[in-house]
Amino acid sequence: MTEEREVGVGPHELPWPEDERLDPELLERGDQRNVVDEYRYWSQEAVIADLDTRRHSFHVAVENWQHDFNIGTIVRNANAFLAHTVHIVGKRRWNRRGAMVTDRYQHIEHHGGVDLFVDSMTALGLPIIGIDISERSAPIEEVQLPERCVFVFGQEGPGLSDDMVQRCSTILHITQYGSTRSINVGVASGIVMHKWVVQNHG
């Protein structure tokens, strides 16, 4: 039987370091947050400010018409691969449990519908790249991903809405080798983001 791995660190020994990024409350009681060691005892605001100095130039979007449970995983992946912003298209509310609190450090914007989302992306000059399996889609491994873009994912099951598909400049899919027709959208988001990082910042 393996012992449970202790997460985080305890109270900081005295005297406390003089650093305005550090949170006095965390120094006093310890830091059990799900953050890398570099950010131990840092305030949430300080972590966000540091991430903002080096966020990548790709964005991620997901359609949310049925309260998809995978949105939390997509947000967590976006934080792990340092996406610029996550865009929720459709319903404002989403299940944050899968995000594992990473949504506190990730920029998230809401768009009430596809038209509003497209208008916003057009204003930012971001081509919309859909991730879905269709007759129109191309294998992602054969494509050079643009440095500035937004990857949009659909609902688990039905995939991208017809309206969103019509607005995408490109549709890409992840080649699979087993018997299943599709993979979980949360897993797909991680593969796509990692592919972008390897190509553009590898």
N, C-alpha and C. Protein backbone atom coordinates (compact mmCIF):
# COMPACT_ATOMS: atom_id res chain seq x y z
N MET A 1 0.85 -1.19 0.00
CA MET A 1 0.00 0.00 0.00
C MET A 1 0.89 1.25 0.00
N THR A 2 0.63 2.14 -0.96
CA THR A 2 1.44 3.35 -1.05
C THR A 2 0.89 4.44 -0.15
N GLU A 3 1.81 5.24 0.39
CA GLU A 3 1.38 6.35 1.23
C GLU A 3 0.85 7.48 0.36
N GLU A 4 -0.14 8.23 0.91
CA GLU A 4 -0.68 9.36 0.18
C GLU A 4 0.37 10.46 0.10
N ARG A 5 0.50 11.02 -1.10
CA ARG A 5 1.47 12.08 -1.32
C ARG A 5 0.92 13.40 -0.80
N GLU A 6 1.67 14.04 0.06
CA GLU A 6 1.22 15.30 0.63
C GLU A 6 1.36 16.40 -0.41
N VAL A 7 0.29 17.17 -0.55
CA VAL A 7 0.26 18.24 -1.54
C VAL A 7 0.59 19.57 -0.87
N GLY A 8 1.46 20.34 -1.49
CA GLY A 8 1.74 21.67 -0.98
C GLY A 8 2.82 21.70 0.09
N VAL A 9 2.88 22.85 0.75
CA VAL A 9 3.88 23.06 1.79
C VAL A 9 3.21 23.68 3.01
N GLY A 10 3.88 23.51 4.16
CA GLY A 10 3.36 24.05 5.40
C GLY A 10 3.71 25.52 5.58
N PRO A 11 3.46 26.05 6.76
CA PRO A 11 3.79 27.45 7.04
C PRO A 11 5.26 27.73 6.78
N HIS A 12 5.55 28.94 6.29
CA HIS A 12 6.92 29.32 5.98
C HIS A 12 7.64 29.66 7.28
N GLU A 13 8.88 29.22 7.40
CA GLU A 13 9.65 29.51 8.61
C GLU A 13 9.95 31.01 8.71
N LEU A 14 10.10 31.47 9.91
CA LEU A 14 10.43 32.88 10.15
C LEU A 14 11.95 33.08 10.08
N PRO A 15 12.42 34.24 9.71
CA PRO A 15 11.63 35.40 9.25
C PRO A 15 11.15 35.21 7.83
N TRP A 16 9.98 35.79 7.51
CA TRP A 16 9.43 35.67 6.17
C TRP A 16 10.25 36.49 5.17
N PRO A 17 10.40 35.99 3.96
CA PRO A 17 11.13 36.75 2.93
C PRO A 17 10.37 38.03 2.56
N GLU A 18 11.11 39.05 2.21
CA GLU A 18 10.49 40.31 1.80
C GLU A 18 10.28 40.27 0.29
N ASP A 19 9.04 40.02 -0.11
CA ASP A 19 8.70 39.90 -1.52
C ASP A 19 7.22 40.26 -1.65
N GLU A 20 6.91 41.31 -2.36
CA GLU A 20 5.53 41.78 -2.47
C GLU A 20 4.62 40.78 -3.17
N ARG A 21 5.19 39.79 -3.87
CA ARG A 21 4.37 38.78 -4.53
C ARG A 21 3.82 37.75 -3.55
N LEU A 22 4.38 37.66 -2.38
CA LEU A 22 3.99 36.64 -1.42
C LEU A 22 2.74 37.06 -0.65
N ASP A 23 1.92 36.07 -0.33
CA ASP A 23 0.67 36.29 0.40
C ASP A 23 0.89 35.99 1.88
N PRO A 24 0.75 36.98 2.76
CA PRO A 24 1.00 36.76 4.20
C PRO A 24 0.17 35.62 4.79
N GLU A 25 -1.06 35.47 4.32
CA GLU A 25 -1.91 34.40 4.86
C GLU A 25 -1.37 33.03 4.49
N LEU A 26 -0.87 32.88 3.25
CA LEU A 26 -0.29 31.61 2.83
C LEU A 26 1.02 31.34 3.56
N LEU A 27 1.80 32.37 3.79
CA LEU A 27 3.05 32.20 4.53
C LEU A 27 2.76 31.71 5.95
N GLU A 28 1.68 32.18 6.50
CA GLU A 28 1.35 31.83 7.90
C GLU A 28 0.76 30.43 8.04
N ARG A 29 -0.14 30.05 7.12
CA ARG A 29 -0.85 28.77 7.30
C ARG A 29 -0.39 27.67 6.33
N GLY A 30 0.45 28.01 5.36
CA GLY A 30 0.89 27.03 4.39
C GLY A 30 0.16 27.17 3.07
N ASP A 31 0.67 26.51 2.05
CA ASP A 31 0.13 26.64 0.70
C ASP A 31 -0.13 25.26 0.12
N GLN A 32 -1.39 24.84 0.09
CA GLN A 32 -1.76 23.54 -0.44
C GLN A 32 -2.42 23.64 -1.82
N ARG A 33 -2.21 24.74 -2.50
CA ARG A 33 -2.83 24.91 -3.82
C ARG A 33 -2.16 24.05 -4.88
N ASN A 34 -2.89 23.82 -5.97
CA ASN A 34 -2.36 23.04 -7.10
C ASN A 34 -1.57 23.98 -8.01
N VAL A 35 -0.40 24.42 -7.55
CA VAL A 35 0.47 25.29 -8.34
C VAL A 35 1.88 24.71 -8.36
N VAL A 36 2.66 25.11 -9.36
CA VAL A 36 4.05 24.65 -9.44
C VAL A 36 4.84 25.28 -8.29
N ASP A 37 5.95 24.67 -7.95
CA ASP A 37 6.75 25.12 -6.81
C ASP A 37 7.17 26.58 -6.92
N GLU A 38 7.38 27.04 -8.14
CA GLU A 38 7.81 28.43 -8.34
C GLU A 38 6.82 29.42 -7.74
N TYR A 39 5.53 29.04 -7.70
CA TYR A 39 4.49 29.95 -7.23
C TYR A 39 4.06 29.70 -5.78
N ARG A 40 4.79 28.89 -5.06
CA ARG A 40 4.44 28.65 -3.66
C ARG A 40 4.47 29.96 -2.87
N TYR A 41 3.39 30.17 -2.14
CA TYR A 41 3.20 31.34 -1.27
C TYR A 41 2.88 32.62 -2.05
N TRP A 42 2.88 32.57 -3.38
CA TRP A 42 2.52 33.76 -4.15
C TRP A 42 1.03 34.02 -4.03
N SER A 43 0.62 35.27 -4.07
CA SER A 43 -0.80 35.59 -4.10
C SER A 43 -1.37 35.22 -5.47
N GLN A 44 -2.67 35.03 -5.52
CA GLN A 44 -3.31 34.69 -6.79
C GLN A 44 -3.07 35.79 -7.82
N GLU A 45 -3.15 37.02 -7.41
CA GLU A 45 -2.94 38.15 -8.32
C GLU A 45 -1.52 38.14 -8.89
N ALA A 46 -0.55 37.80 -8.05
CA ALA A 46 0.84 37.77 -8.50
C ALA A 46 1.07 36.66 -9.51
N VAL A 47 0.43 35.51 -9.29
CA VAL A 47 0.57 34.39 -10.23
C VAL A 47 0.00 34.78 -11.59
N ILE A 48 -1.20 35.36 -11.58
CA ILE A 48 -1.84 35.77 -12.84
C ILE A 48 -0.97 36.79 -13.57
N ALA A 49 -0.46 37.76 -12.83
CA ALA A 49 0.38 38.80 -13.44
C ALA A 49 1.63 38.20 -14.09
N ASP A 50 2.22 37.20 -13.44
CA ASP A 50 3.41 36.57 -14.01
C ASP A 50 3.06 35.76 -15.25
N LEU A 51 1.95 35.02 -15.20
CA LEU A 51 1.51 34.26 -16.37
C LEU A 51 1.21 35.17 -17.55
N ASP A 52 0.66 36.35 -17.25
CA ASP A 52 0.30 37.29 -18.32
C ASP A 52 1.52 37.79 -19.09
N THR A 53 2.69 37.72 -18.49
CA THR A 53 3.90 38.19 -19.19
C THR A 53 4.38 37.20 -20.24
N ARG A 54 3.84 35.97 -20.23
CA ARG A 54 4.36 34.96 -21.15
C ARG A 54 3.28 34.03 -21.73
N ARG A 55 2.02 34.46 -21.68
CA ARG A 55 0.98 33.61 -22.27
C ARG A 55 1.21 33.44 -23.77
N HIS A 56 0.80 32.28 -24.29
CA HIS A 56 0.92 32.02 -25.71
C HIS A 56 -0.15 32.79 -26.48
N SER A 57 0.00 32.83 -27.79
CA SER A 57 -0.88 33.65 -28.63
C SER A 57 -2.09 32.90 -29.18
N PHE A 58 -2.26 31.64 -28.82
CA PHE A 58 -3.45 30.92 -29.27
C PHE A 58 -4.55 31.01 -28.20
N HIS A 59 -5.80 31.01 -28.66
CA HIS A 59 -6.96 31.01 -27.79
C HIS A 59 -7.68 29.67 -27.95
N VAL A 60 -8.57 29.38 -27.02
CA VAL A 60 -9.36 28.15 -27.06
C VAL A 60 -10.82 28.52 -26.83
N ALA A 61 -11.71 27.91 -27.58
CA ALA A 61 -13.14 28.14 -27.40
C ALA A 61 -13.87 26.81 -27.33
N VAL A 62 -15.01 26.80 -26.63
CA VAL A 62 -15.82 25.59 -26.55
C VAL A 62 -17.29 25.99 -26.53
N GLU A 63 -18.08 25.27 -27.30
CA GLU A 63 -19.51 25.52 -27.31
C GLU A 63 -20.15 24.88 -26.08
N ASN A 64 -21.06 25.60 -25.45
CA ASN A 64 -21.66 25.15 -24.20
C ASN A 64 -23.18 25.31 -24.28
N TRP A 65 -23.82 24.35 -24.93
CA TRP A 65 -25.28 24.41 -25.07
C TRP A 65 -25.97 23.48 -24.10
N GLN A 66 -25.26 22.49 -23.58
CA GLN A 66 -25.88 21.48 -22.71
C GLN A 66 -25.10 21.28 -21.40
N HIS A 67 -24.36 22.30 -20.98
CA HIS A 67 -23.55 22.20 -19.75
C HIS A 67 -22.59 21.01 -19.81
N ASP A 68 -21.75 21.01 -20.81
CA ASP A 68 -20.79 19.92 -21.02
C ASP A 68 -19.81 19.82 -19.85
N PHE A 69 -19.68 18.62 -19.28
CA PHE A 69 -18.79 18.40 -18.14
C PHE A 69 -17.32 18.49 -18.53
N ASN A 70 -17.02 18.44 -19.83
CA ASN A 70 -15.63 18.47 -20.28
C ASN A 70 -15.02 19.86 -20.30
N ILE A 71 -15.83 20.88 -20.13
CA ILE A 71 -15.32 22.25 -20.20
C ILE A 71 -14.25 22.48 -19.12
N GLY A 72 -14.46 21.94 -17.94
CA GLY A 72 -13.48 22.08 -16.87
C GLY A 72 -12.13 21.51 -17.27
N THR A 73 -12.14 20.36 -17.95
CA THR A 73 -10.90 19.75 -18.41
C THR A 73 -10.23 20.63 -19.46
N ILE A 74 -11.02 21.21 -20.35
CA ILE A 74 -10.45 22.08 -21.38
C ILE A 74 -9.81 23.30 -20.74
N VAL A 75 -10.45 23.87 -19.72
CA VAL A 75 -9.88 25.02 -19.01
C VAL A 75 -8.58 24.62 -18.32
N ARG A 76 -8.58 23.45 -17.71
CA ARG A 76 -7.36 22.98 -17.03
C ARG A 76 -6.22 22.79 -18.04
N ASN A 77 -6.53 22.23 -19.21
CA ASN A 77 -5.52 22.07 -20.25
C ASN A 77 -5.03 23.43 -20.75
N ALA A 78 -5.95 24.37 -20.89
CA ALA A 78 -5.57 25.71 -21.35
C ALA A 78 -4.59 26.36 -20.39
N ASN A 79 -4.80 26.14 -19.11
CA ASN A 79 -3.87 26.66 -18.11
C ASN A 79 -2.52 25.95 -18.22
N ALA A 80 -2.55 24.64 -18.40
CA ALA A 80 -1.30 23.86 -18.47
C ALA A 80 -0.46 24.26 -19.67
N PHE A 81 -1.11 24.56 -20.80
CA PHE A 81 -0.37 24.92 -22.01
C PHE A 81 -0.34 26.42 -22.23
N LEU A 82 -0.76 27.18 -21.24
CA LEU A 82 -0.66 28.64 -21.21
C LEU A 82 -1.36 29.31 -22.38
N ALA A 83 -2.60 28.89 -22.63
CA ALA A 83 -3.42 29.55 -23.65
C ALA A 83 -3.71 30.98 -23.23
N HIS A 84 -3.87 31.84 -24.20
CA HIS A 84 -4.14 33.25 -23.89
C HIS A 84 -5.48 33.41 -23.17
N THR A 85 -6.55 32.88 -23.76
CA THR A 85 -7.90 33.04 -23.20
C THR A 85 -8.75 31.84 -23.59
N VAL A 86 -9.67 31.46 -22.72
CA VAL A 86 -10.67 30.45 -23.03
C VAL A 86 -12.00 31.18 -23.25
N HIS A 87 -12.68 30.85 -24.34
CA HIS A 87 -13.96 31.47 -24.69
C HIS A 87 -15.08 30.43 -24.56
N ILE A 88 -16.07 30.73 -23.74
CA ILE A 88 -17.24 29.87 -23.58
C ILE A 88 -18.34 30.43 -24.46
N VAL A 89 -18.83 29.64 -25.41
CA VAL A 89 -19.86 30.09 -26.35
C VAL A 89 -21.18 29.39 -26.02
N GLY A 90 -22.21 30.17 -25.71
CA GLY A 90 -23.50 29.58 -25.36
C GLY A 90 -23.89 29.89 -23.93
N LYS A 91 -24.24 28.87 -23.17
CA LYS A 91 -24.64 29.06 -21.78
C LYS A 91 -23.47 29.61 -20.96
N ARG A 92 -23.79 30.52 -20.07
CA ARG A 92 -22.74 31.13 -19.25
C ARG A 92 -22.22 30.17 -18.18
N ARG A 93 -23.12 29.42 -17.58
CA ARG A 93 -22.72 28.52 -16.49
C ARG A 93 -22.09 27.25 -17.04
N TRP A 94 -21.04 26.78 -16.37
CA TRP A 94 -20.40 25.53 -16.73
C TRP A 94 -19.85 24.88 -15.47
N ASN A 95 -19.66 23.56 -15.52
CA ASN A 95 -19.21 22.80 -14.36
C ASN A 95 -17.71 23.01 -14.16
N ARG A 96 -17.35 23.70 -13.07
CA ARG A 96 -15.95 24.05 -12.83
C ARG A 96 -15.15 22.97 -12.11
N ARG A 97 -15.80 21.90 -11.73
CA ARG A 97 -15.11 20.88 -10.94
C ARG A 97 -13.88 20.32 -11.66
N GLY A 98 -14.02 20.05 -12.96
CA GLY A 98 -12.92 19.47 -13.72
C GLY A 98 -11.75 20.41 -13.91
N ALA A 99 -11.97 21.70 -13.68
CA ALA A 99 -10.89 22.68 -13.86
C ALA A 99 -9.87 22.60 -12.73
N MET A 100 -10.23 21.98 -11.61
CA MET A 100 -9.31 21.83 -10.48
C MET A 100 -8.73 23.18 -10.04
N VAL A 101 -9.59 24.20 -10.02
CA VAL A 101 -9.28 25.55 -9.54
C VAL A 101 -8.36 26.32 -10.50
N THR A 102 -7.98 25.72 -11.64
CA THR A 102 -7.11 26.43 -12.57
C THR A 102 -7.83 27.61 -13.22
N ASP A 103 -9.17 27.63 -13.16
CA ASP A 103 -9.91 28.75 -13.75
C ASP A 103 -9.61 30.07 -13.03
N ARG A 104 -9.05 29.99 -11.82
CA ARG A 104 -8.68 31.21 -11.10
C ARG A 104 -7.50 31.93 -11.76
N TYR A 105 -6.73 31.19 -12.53
CA TYR A 105 -5.52 31.75 -13.13
C TYR A 105 -5.62 31.90 -14.64
N GLN A 106 -6.76 31.52 -15.20
CA GLN A 106 -6.94 31.52 -16.65
C GLN A 106 -7.95 32.58 -17.06
N HIS A 107 -7.63 33.37 -18.06
CA HIS A 107 -8.60 34.35 -18.58
C HIS A 107 -9.72 33.60 -19.29
N ILE A 108 -10.96 33.89 -18.90
CA ILE A 108 -12.13 33.23 -19.47
C ILE A 108 -13.14 34.29 -19.87
N GLU A 109 -13.63 34.21 -21.10
CA GLU A 109 -14.63 35.14 -21.60
C GLU A 109 -15.86 34.37 -22.07
N HIS A 110 -17.02 35.01 -21.92
CA HIS A 110 -18.28 34.38 -22.33
C HIS A 110 -18.87 35.11 -23.53
N HIS A 111 -19.42 34.32 -24.47
CA HIS A 111 -20.10 34.87 -25.63
C HIS A 111 -21.47 34.18 -25.72
N GLY A 112 -22.53 34.96 -25.76
CA GLY A 112 -23.87 34.40 -25.70
C GLY A 112 -24.26 33.56 -26.90
N GLY A 113 -23.60 33.73 -28.02
CA GLY A 113 -23.92 32.97 -29.22
C GLY A 113 -22.78 32.96 -30.20
N VAL A 114 -22.95 32.21 -31.28
CA VAL A 114 -21.89 32.07 -32.28
C VAL A 114 -21.58 33.40 -32.94
N ASP A 115 -22.61 34.17 -33.27
CA ASP A 115 -22.38 35.46 -33.93
C ASP A 115 -21.52 36.38 -33.08
N LEU A 116 -21.82 36.47 -31.79
CA LEU A 116 -21.06 37.33 -30.88
C LEU A 116 -19.61 36.84 -30.77
N PHE A 117 -19.44 35.54 -30.72
CA PHE A 117 -18.10 34.95 -30.66
C PHE A 117 -17.31 35.29 -31.92
N VAL A 118 -17.91 35.08 -33.07
CA VAL A 118 -17.23 35.33 -34.34
C VAL A 118 -16.86 36.80 -34.47
N ASP A 119 -17.77 37.69 -34.08
CA ASP A 119 -17.49 39.12 -34.14
C ASP A 119 -16.27 39.47 -33.29
N SER A 120 -16.20 38.87 -32.11
CA SER A 120 -15.09 39.13 -31.20
C SER A 120 -13.77 38.61 -31.77
N MET A 121 -13.79 37.41 -32.34
CA MET A 121 -12.57 36.84 -32.92
C MET A 121 -12.12 37.63 -34.14
N THR A 122 -13.09 38.09 -34.93
CA THR A 122 -12.76 38.90 -36.10
C THR A 122 -12.08 40.20 -35.68
N ALA A 123 -12.60 40.81 -34.62
CA ALA A 123 -12.01 42.05 -34.11
C ALA A 123 -10.58 41.83 -33.63
N LEU A 124 -10.31 40.63 -33.12
CA LEU A 124 -8.96 40.30 -32.64
C LEU A 124 -8.04 39.82 -33.77
N GLY A 125 -8.61 39.60 -34.94
CA GLY A 125 -7.82 39.10 -36.06
C GLY A 125 -7.41 37.65 -35.92
N LEU A 126 -8.26 36.84 -35.25
CA LEU A 126 -7.94 35.44 -35.00
C LEU A 126 -8.72 34.52 -35.93
N PRO A 127 -8.06 33.75 -36.79
CA PRO A 127 -8.77 32.75 -37.58
C PRO A 127 -9.36 31.68 -36.67
N ILE A 128 -10.55 31.21 -36.99
CA ILE A 128 -11.24 30.21 -36.18
C ILE A 128 -10.97 28.84 -36.76
N ILE A 129 -10.33 27.98 -35.99
CA ILE A 129 -9.99 26.63 -36.43
C ILE A 129 -10.85 25.64 -35.64
N GLY A 130 -11.75 24.97 -36.34
CA GLY A 130 -12.61 23.98 -35.70
C GLY A 130 -11.90 22.66 -35.54
N ILE A 131 -12.16 21.99 -34.43
CA ILE A 131 -11.60 20.65 -34.19
C ILE A 131 -12.77 19.68 -34.17
N ASP A 132 -12.89 18.90 -35.23
CA ASP A 132 -14.02 17.98 -35.36
C ASP A 132 -13.73 17.00 -36.49
N ILE A 133 -14.44 15.90 -36.52
CA ILE A 133 -14.29 14.91 -37.58
C ILE A 133 -15.41 15.11 -38.58
N SER A 134 -15.05 15.41 -39.82
CA SER A 134 -16.06 15.60 -40.86
C SER A 134 -15.42 15.37 -42.22
N GLU A 135 -16.24 15.39 -43.27
CA GLU A 135 -15.71 15.23 -44.63
C GLU A 135 -14.80 16.40 -45.00
N ARG A 136 -15.01 17.52 -44.34
CA ARG A 136 -14.24 18.72 -44.65
C ARG A 136 -12.92 18.78 -43.88
N SER A 137 -12.79 18.00 -42.81
CA SER A 137 -11.63 18.15 -41.91
C SER A 137 -10.37 17.53 -42.48
N ALA A 138 -9.22 18.13 -42.08
CA ALA A 138 -7.90 17.63 -42.48
C ALA A 138 -7.16 17.12 -41.25
N PRO A 139 -6.23 16.19 -41.41
CA PRO A 139 -5.47 15.68 -40.26
C PRO A 139 -4.59 16.78 -39.66
N ILE A 140 -4.67 16.97 -38.37
CA ILE A 140 -3.93 18.05 -37.73
C ILE A 140 -2.42 17.83 -37.83
N GLU A 141 -1.99 16.57 -37.92
CA GLU A 141 -0.56 16.29 -37.98
C GLU A 141 0.07 16.69 -39.30
N GLU A 142 -0.76 17.00 -40.30
CA GLU A 142 -0.24 17.39 -41.61
C GLU A 142 -0.29 18.91 -41.82
N VAL A 143 -0.65 19.65 -40.78
CA VAL A 143 -0.88 21.09 -40.92
C VAL A 143 0.06 21.87 -40.01
N GLN A 144 0.57 22.99 -40.53
CA GLN A 144 1.31 23.93 -39.69
C GLN A 144 0.29 24.87 -39.06
N LEU A 145 0.19 24.85 -37.75
CA LEU A 145 -0.80 25.66 -37.05
C LEU A 145 -0.33 27.11 -36.98
N PRO A 146 -1.22 28.07 -37.24
CA PRO A 146 -0.82 29.48 -37.21
C PRO A 146 -0.46 29.92 -35.80
N GLU A 147 0.41 30.92 -35.71
CA GLU A 147 0.85 31.38 -34.40
C GLU A 147 -0.28 32.06 -33.64
N ARG A 148 -1.15 32.78 -34.35
CA ARG A 148 -2.30 33.43 -33.73
C ARG A 148 -3.57 32.79 -34.29
N CYS A 149 -4.37 32.21 -33.43
CA CYS A 149 -5.60 31.56 -33.87
C CYS A 149 -6.45 31.23 -32.64
N VAL A 150 -7.66 30.75 -32.89
CA VAL A 150 -8.50 30.23 -31.81
C VAL A 150 -9.00 28.85 -32.23
N PHE A 151 -8.76 27.87 -31.39
CA PHE A 151 -9.25 26.50 -31.62
C PHE A 151 -10.62 26.38 -30.96
N VAL A 152 -11.60 25.92 -31.71
CA VAL A 152 -12.94 25.80 -31.14
C VAL A 152 -13.37 24.33 -31.12
N PHE A 153 -13.89 23.93 -29.97
CA PHE A 153 -14.33 22.55 -29.74
C PHE A 153 -15.84 22.54 -29.51
N GLY A 154 -16.49 21.46 -29.93
CA GLY A 154 -17.93 21.35 -29.77
C GLY A 154 -18.30 20.55 -28.54
N GLN A 155 -19.58 20.27 -28.43
CA GLN A 155 -20.09 19.46 -27.32
C GLN A 155 -19.60 18.02 -27.46
N GLU A 156 -19.42 17.37 -26.34
CA GLU A 156 -19.11 15.94 -26.36
C GLU A 156 -20.28 15.21 -27.02
N GLY A 157 -19.99 14.44 -28.06
CA GLY A 157 -21.04 13.72 -28.78
C GLY A 157 -21.37 14.36 -30.10
N PRO A 158 -22.22 15.42 -30.10
CA PRO A 158 -22.60 16.04 -31.38
C PRO A 158 -21.50 16.83 -32.05
N GLY A 159 -20.48 17.24 -31.33
CA GLY A 159 -19.39 18.01 -31.92
C GLY A 159 -19.78 19.46 -32.14
N LEU A 160 -19.16 20.08 -33.12
CA LEU A 160 -19.43 21.49 -33.40
C LEU A 160 -20.83 21.66 -34.00
N SER A 161 -21.47 22.76 -33.65
CA SER A 161 -22.77 23.07 -34.23
C SER A 161 -22.60 23.43 -35.71
N ASP A 162 -23.66 23.24 -36.50
CA ASP A 162 -23.59 23.58 -37.91
C ASP A 162 -23.25 25.05 -38.11
N ASP A 163 -23.80 25.90 -37.25
CA ASP A 163 -23.54 27.33 -37.34
C ASP A 163 -22.05 27.63 -37.14
N MET A 164 -21.44 26.98 -36.16
CA MET A 164 -20.02 27.20 -35.89
C MET A 164 -19.16 26.66 -37.03
N VAL A 165 -19.52 25.52 -37.55
CA VAL A 165 -18.76 24.92 -38.65
C VAL A 165 -18.68 25.88 -39.84
N GLN A 166 -19.80 26.54 -40.13
CA GLN A 166 -19.83 27.46 -41.26
C GLN A 166 -18.91 28.66 -41.06
N ARG A 167 -18.58 28.98 -39.81
CA ARG A 167 -17.75 30.15 -39.51
C ARG A 167 -16.26 29.82 -39.41
N CYS A 168 -15.93 28.55 -39.42
CA CYS A 168 -14.52 28.16 -39.27
C CYS A 168 -13.77 28.32 -40.58
N SER A 169 -12.56 28.84 -40.49
CA SER A 169 -11.72 28.96 -41.69
C SER A 169 -11.14 27.60 -42.06
N THR A 170 -10.96 26.73 -41.07
CA THR A 170 -10.39 25.40 -41.27
C THR A 170 -11.01 24.45 -40.26
N ILE A 171 -11.19 23.19 -40.65
CA ILE A 171 -11.62 22.14 -39.73
C ILE A 171 -10.52 21.08 -39.71
N LEU A 172 -10.04 20.75 -38.52
CA LEU A 172 -9.00 19.74 -38.37
C LEU A 172 -9.48 18.60 -37.50
N HIS A 173 -8.91 17.42 -37.71
CA HIS A 173 -9.22 16.29 -36.84
C HIS A 173 -7.92 15.61 -36.40
N ILE A 174 -8.01 14.85 -35.33
CA ILE A 174 -6.87 14.10 -34.80
C ILE A 174 -6.98 12.66 -35.32
N THR A 175 -5.97 12.21 -36.04
CA THR A 175 -6.00 10.86 -36.59
C THR A 175 -5.99 9.83 -35.46
N GLN A 176 -6.87 8.84 -35.58
CA GLN A 176 -6.96 7.77 -34.58
C GLN A 176 -6.71 6.42 -35.24
N TYR A 177 -6.36 5.44 -34.42
CA TYR A 177 -5.92 4.16 -34.96
C TYR A 177 -6.67 2.95 -34.39
N GLY A 178 -7.61 3.18 -33.50
CA GLY A 178 -8.36 2.09 -32.91
C GLY A 178 -9.74 1.96 -33.49
N SER A 179 -10.66 1.37 -32.72
CA SER A 179 -12.00 1.09 -33.23
C SER A 179 -13.00 2.22 -32.95
N THR A 180 -12.68 3.11 -32.02
CA THR A 180 -13.63 4.16 -31.69
C THR A 180 -13.62 5.26 -32.73
N ARG A 181 -14.77 5.87 -32.96
CA ARG A 181 -14.87 6.92 -33.98
C ARG A 181 -14.30 8.24 -33.50
N SER A 182 -14.39 8.49 -32.20
CA SER A 182 -13.94 9.79 -31.68
C SER A 182 -13.32 9.63 -30.30
N ILE A 183 -12.58 10.66 -29.88
CA ILE A 183 -12.02 10.66 -28.54
C ILE A 183 -12.68 11.77 -27.73
N ASN A 184 -12.56 11.69 -26.43
CA ASN A 184 -13.14 12.68 -25.53
C ASN A 184 -12.65 14.07 -25.88
N VAL A 185 -13.55 15.05 -25.87
CA VAL A 185 -13.20 16.40 -26.28
C VAL A 185 -12.17 17.03 -25.36
N GLY A 186 -12.19 16.66 -24.07
CA GLY A 186 -11.18 17.17 -23.15
C GLY A 186 -9.80 16.65 -23.52
N VAL A 187 -9.72 15.38 -23.87
CA VAL A 187 -8.45 14.80 -24.32
C VAL A 187 -8.00 15.44 -25.62
N ALA A 188 -8.94 15.61 -26.55
CA ALA A 188 -8.61 16.23 -27.84
C ALA A 188 -8.04 17.63 -27.66
N SER A 189 -8.59 18.39 -26.72
CA SER A 189 -8.10 19.75 -26.50
C SER A 189 -6.64 19.76 -26.06
N GLY A 190 -6.28 18.81 -25.20
CA GLY A 190 -4.89 18.73 -24.75
C GLY A 190 -3.93 18.38 -25.87
N ILE A 191 -4.36 17.47 -26.76
CA ILE A 191 -3.52 17.08 -27.90
C ILE A 191 -3.30 18.28 -28.82
N VAL A 192 -4.36 19.01 -29.10
CA VAL A 192 -4.27 20.15 -30.01
C VAL A 192 -3.37 21.24 -29.44
N MET A 193 -3.56 21.56 -28.16
CA MET A 193 -2.75 22.61 -27.55
C MET A 193 -1.27 22.22 -27.51
N HIS A 194 -1.01 20.97 -27.19
CA HIS A 194 0.37 20.50 -27.15
C HIS A 194 0.98 20.56 -28.55
N LYS A 195 0.20 20.21 -29.56
CA LYS A 195 0.67 20.28 -30.95
C LYS A 195 1.06 21.71 -31.31
N TRP A 196 0.23 22.67 -30.89
CA TRP A 196 0.53 24.08 -31.17
C TRP A 196 1.84 24.49 -30.50
N VAL A 197 2.01 24.13 -29.23
CA VAL A 197 3.22 24.51 -28.49
C VAL A 197 4.46 23.91 -29.13
N VAL A 198 4.40 22.65 -29.52
CA VAL A 198 5.56 21.99 -30.14
C VAL A 198 5.92 22.68 -31.45
N GLN A 199 4.90 23.04 -32.25
CA GLN A 199 5.17 23.66 -33.55
C GLN A 199 5.65 25.09 -33.43
N ASN A 200 5.08 25.84 -32.51
CA ASN A 200 5.36 27.28 -32.44
C ASN A 200 6.34 27.70 -31.36
N HIS A 201 6.49 26.87 -30.33
CA HIS A 201 7.42 27.21 -29.25
C HIS A 201 8.18 25.97 -28.77
N GLY A 202 8.47 25.08 -29.68
CA GLY A 202 9.14 23.85 -29.33
C GLY A 202 10.63 24.02 -29.11
